[in-house]
Amino acid sequence: MKFQPLGERVLVERLEEENKTSSGIIIPDNAKEKPLMGVVKAVSHKISEGCKCVKEGDVIAFGKYKGTEIVLDGTEYMVLELEDILGIVGSGSCCHTGNHDHKHAKEHEACCHDHKKH
């Protein structure tokens, strides 16, 4: 099933967190306070045609209580607002690679660097 986020939203498939430490100690769910991570599966037209700072395939970090859970074809996803994304893991966005496709510096400033305040 195809899903197209609206507004400034992305569709994310969560990456599972480790339930054990390297020494084999099981970590209870209530002790996990790390941000969650996931892979961006779809971005809204507003992001793909505007900011372009997040794209399909990016691995992102987001807060534990952010977004809305949905199930599509038996797979759980999160729909997140752009402002709820804490950051991109590794490189991959124009903000991190330095590969900007903006025609004017003013577009770049309004797009990429505005998200650093979040």
C-alpha atoms as a PDB file:
ATOM      1  CA  MET A   1       0.000   0.000   0.000  1.00  0.00           C
ATOM      2  CA  LYS A   2       1.346   3.419  -0.948  1.00  0.00           C
ATOM      3  CA  PHE A   3       1.186   6.222   1.628  1.00  0.00           C
ATOM      4  CA  GLN A   4       1.836   9.894   0.894  1.00  0.00           C
ATOM      5  CA  PRO A   5       2.355  12.069   3.997  1.00  0.00           C
ATOM      6  CA  LEU A   6       0.748  15.525   3.890  1.00  0.00           C
ATOM      7  CA  GLY A   7       1.959  18.846   5.274  1.00  0.00           C
ATOM      8  CA  GLU A   8       5.517  18.709   6.618  1.00  0.00           C
ATOM      9  CA  ARG A   9       5.434  15.020   7.593  1.00  0.00           C
ATOM     10  CA  VAL A  10       7.459  11.890   6.943  1.00  0.00           C
ATOM     11  CA  LEU A  11       6.611   8.186   7.108  1.00  0.00           C
ATOM     12  CA  VAL A  12       9.189   6.272   9.159  1.00  0.00           C
ATOM     13  CA  GLU A  13       9.771   2.569   9.787  1.00  0.00           C
ATOM     14  CA  ARG A  14      11.263   2.164  13.245  1.00  0.00           C
ATOM     15  CA  LEU A  15      14.583   0.462  13.866  1.00  0.00           C
ATOM     16  CA  GLU A  16      14.466  -1.870  16.843  1.00  0.00           C
ATOM     17  CA  GLU A  17      16.445  -0.942  19.951  1.00  0.00           C
ATOM     18  CA  GLU A  18      18.647  -3.466  21.678  1.00  0.00           C
ATOM     19  CA  ASN A  19      16.904  -5.213  24.568  1.00  0.00           C
ATOM     20  CA  LYS A  20      20.173  -6.487  26.071  1.00  0.00           C
ATOM     21  CA  THR A  21      23.492  -4.977  26.999  1.00  0.00           C
ATOM     22  CA  SER A  22      26.690  -6.427  25.527  1.00  0.00           C
ATOM     23  CA  SER A  23      27.087  -8.474  28.734  1.00  0.00           C
ATOM     24  CA  GLY A  24      23.606 -10.005  28.345  1.00  0.00           C
ATOM     25  CA  ILE A  25      21.659  -7.936  30.885  1.00  0.00           C
ATOM     26  CA  ILE A  26      18.064  -7.419  29.741  1.00  0.00           C
ATOM     27  CA  ILE A  27      17.028  -3.762  29.665  1.00  0.00           C
ATOM     28  CA  PRO A  28      13.383  -3.187  30.686  1.00  0.00           C
ATOM     29  CA  ASP A  29      11.334  -0.923  28.413  1.00  0.00           C
ATOM     30  CA  ASN A  30      10.876   1.704  31.119  1.00  0.00           C
ATOM     31  CA  ALA A  31      14.676   2.067  31.482  1.00  0.00           C
ATOM     32  CA  LYS A  32      15.166   3.007  27.829  1.00  0.00           C
ATOM     33  CA  GLU A  33      15.334   6.763  27.529  1.00  0.00           C
ATOM     34  CA  LYS A  34      17.236   6.976  24.257  1.00  0.00           C
ATOM     35  CA  PRO A  35      15.691   8.643  21.210  1.00  0.00           C
ATOM     36  CA  LEU A  36      14.179   6.215  18.754  1.00  0.00           C
ATOM     37  CA  MET A  37      15.549   5.794  15.258  1.00  0.00           C
ATOM     38  CA  GLY A  38      14.000   4.796  11.983  1.00  0.00           C
ATOM     39  CA  VAL A  39      14.306   4.805   8.216  1.00  0.00           C
ATOM     40  CA  VAL A  40      12.367   7.406   6.238  1.00  0.00           C
ATOM     41  CA  LYS A  41      10.075   5.550   3.825  1.00  0.00           C
ATOM     42  CA  ALA A  42       8.165   8.525   2.348  1.00  0.00           C
ATOM     43  CA  VAL A  43       8.214  12.322   2.568  1.00  0.00           C
ATOM     44  CA  SER A  44       5.470  14.824   1.841  1.00  0.00           C
ATOM     45  CA  HIS A  45       5.487  16.841  -1.374  1.00  0.00           C
ATOM     46  CA  LYS A  46       6.029  19.972   0.723  1.00  0.00           C
ATOM     47  CA  ILE A  47       9.363  18.545   1.948  1.00  0.00           C
ATOM     48  CA  SER A  48      10.464  16.827  -1.273  1.00  0.00           C
ATOM     49  CA  GLU A  49       9.790  19.934  -3.364  1.00  0.00           C
ATOM     50  CA  GLY A  50      10.803  22.482  -0.729  1.00  0.00           C
ATOM     51  CA  CYS A  51      13.320  21.845   2.011  1.00  0.00           C
ATOM     52  CA  LYS A  52      14.734  18.522   0.763  1.00  0.00           C
ATOM     53  CA  CYS A  53      16.615  18.207   4.073  1.00  0.00           C
ATOM     54  CA  VAL A  54      15.071  14.786   4.741  1.00  0.00           C
ATOM     55  CA  LYS A  55      14.635  12.186   2.030  1.00  0.00           C
ATOM     56  CA  GLU A  56      13.638   8.564   1.607  1.00  0.00           C
ATOM     57  CA  GLY A  57      16.300   6.236   2.967  1.00  0.00           C
ATOM     58  CA  ASP A  58      17.653   8.650   5.610  1.00  0.00           C
ATOM     59  CA  VAL A  59      18.067   7.171   9.090  1.00  0.00           C
ATOM     60  CA  ILE A  60      16.655   9.668  11.576  1.00  0.00           C
ATOM     61  CA  ALA A  61      16.414  10.043  15.350  1.00  0.00           C
ATOM     62  CA  PHE A  62      13.179  11.189  16.990  1.00  0.00           C
ATOM     63  CA  GLY A  63      11.784  11.495  20.510  1.00  0.00           C
ATOM     64  CA  LYS A  64      10.063   8.610  22.279  1.00  0.00           C
ATOM     65  CA  TYR A  65       6.613  10.211  22.441  1.00  0.00           C
ATOM     66  CA  LYS A  66       6.585  11.892  19.031  1.00  0.00           C
ATOM     67  CA  GLY A  67       4.526  11.018  15.982  1.00  0.00           C
ATOM     68  CA  THR A  68       1.494   8.885  15.279  1.00  0.00           C
ATOM     69  CA  GLU A  69       1.669   5.122  14.857  1.00  0.00           C
ATOM     70  CA  ILE A  70      -0.064   3.566  11.857  1.00  0.00           C
ATOM     71  CA  VAL A  71      -0.106   0.064  10.354  1.00  0.00           C
ATOM     72  CA  LEU A  72       0.133  -0.437   6.585  1.00  0.00           C
ATOM     73  CA  ASP A  73       0.042  -3.938   5.111  1.00  0.00           C
ATOM     74  CA  GLY A  74       0.857  -5.417   8.529  1.00  0.00           C
ATOM     75  CA  THR A  75       3.947  -3.227   9.098  1.00  0.00           C
ATOM     76  CA  GLU A  76       4.067  -0.585  11.849  1.00  0.00           C
ATOM     77  CA  TYR A  77       5.171   2.922  10.881  1.00  0.00           C
ATOM     78  CA  MET A  78       5.360   6.356  12.474  1.00  0.00           C
ATOM     79  CA  VAL A  79       4.111   9.549  10.850  1.00  0.00           C
ATOM     80  CA  LEU A  80       6.289  12.377  12.169  1.00  0.00           C
ATOM     81  CA  GLU A  81       6.203  16.141  11.801  1.00  0.00           C
ATOM     82  CA  LEU A  82       9.434  17.537  10.352  1.00  0.00           C
ATOM     83  CA  GLU A  83      10.007  19.504  13.571  1.00  0.00           C
ATOM     84  CA  ASP A  84       9.901  16.266  15.637  1.00  0.00           C
ATOM     85  CA  ILE A  85      12.973  14.882  13.879  1.00  0.00           C
ATOM     86  CA  LEU A  86      15.980  15.315  16.174  1.00  0.00           C
ATOM     87  CA  GLY A  87      18.559  14.677  13.468  1.00  0.00           C
ATOM     88  CA  ILE A  88      19.825  12.527  10.639  1.00  0.00           C
ATOM     89  CA  VAL A  89      22.191   9.695  11.534  1.00  0.00           C
ATOM     90  CA  GLY A  90      25.291   9.836   9.351  1.00  0.00           C
ATOM     91  CA  SER A  91      25.246  11.843   6.163  1.00  0.00           C
ATOM     92  CA  GLY A  92      22.567  11.979   3.564  1.00  0.00           C
ATOM     93  CA  SER A  93      20.775  15.291   3.684  1.00  0.00           C
ATOM     94  CA  CYS A  94      21.764  18.587   2.123  1.00  0.00           C
ATOM     95  CA  CYS A  95      22.327  19.904   5.641  1.00  0.00           C
ATOM     96  CA  HIS A  96      25.048  17.350   6.328  1.00  0.00           C
ATOM     97  CA  THR A  97      26.696  16.621   2.990  1.00  0.00           C
ATOM     98  CA  GLY A  98      27.135  20.163   1.773  1.00  0.00           C
ATOM     99  CA  ASN A  99      25.568  19.148  -1.551  1.00  0.00           C
ATOM    100  CA  HIS A 100      22.952  21.842  -1.922  1.00  0.00           C
ATOM    101  CA  ASP A 101      20.678  22.036  -4.921  1.00  0.00           C
ATOM    102  CA  HIS A 102      19.289  25.420  -3.929  1.00  0.00           C
ATOM    103  CA  LYS A 103      19.654  28.064  -6.631  1.00  0.00           C
ATOM    104  CA  HIS A 104      20.086  30.895  -4.160  1.00  0.00           C
ATOM    105  CA  ALA A 105      21.872  31.147  -0.832  1.00  0.00           C
ATOM    106  CA  LYS A 106      18.707  32.653   0.685  1.00  0.00           C
ATOM    107  CA  GLU A 107      16.771  29.414  -0.079  1.00  0.00           C
ATOM    108  CA  HIS A 108      19.506  27.392   1.609  1.00  0.00           C
ATOM    109  CA  GLU A 109      19.451  29.560   4.730  1.00  0.00           C
ATOM    110  CA  ALA A 110      15.658  29.383   5.010  1.00  0.00           C
ATOM    111  CA  CYS A 111      15.607  25.642   4.449  1.00  0.00           C
ATOM    112  CA  CYS A 112      18.555  23.794   5.856  1.00  0.00           C
ATOM    113  CA  HIS A 113      19.796  25.983   8.657  1.00  0.00           C
ATOM    114  CA  ASP A 114      16.348  26.779  10.023  1.00  0.00           C
ATOM    115  CA  HIS A 115      16.026  23.156  11.183  1.00  0.00           C
ATOM    116  CA  LYS A 116      19.085  23.410  13.447  1.00  0.00           C
ATOM    117  CA  LYS A 117      16.994  25.266  16.025  1.00  0.00           C
ATOM    118  CA  HIS A 118      14.885  22.127  16.606  1.00  0.00           C
END
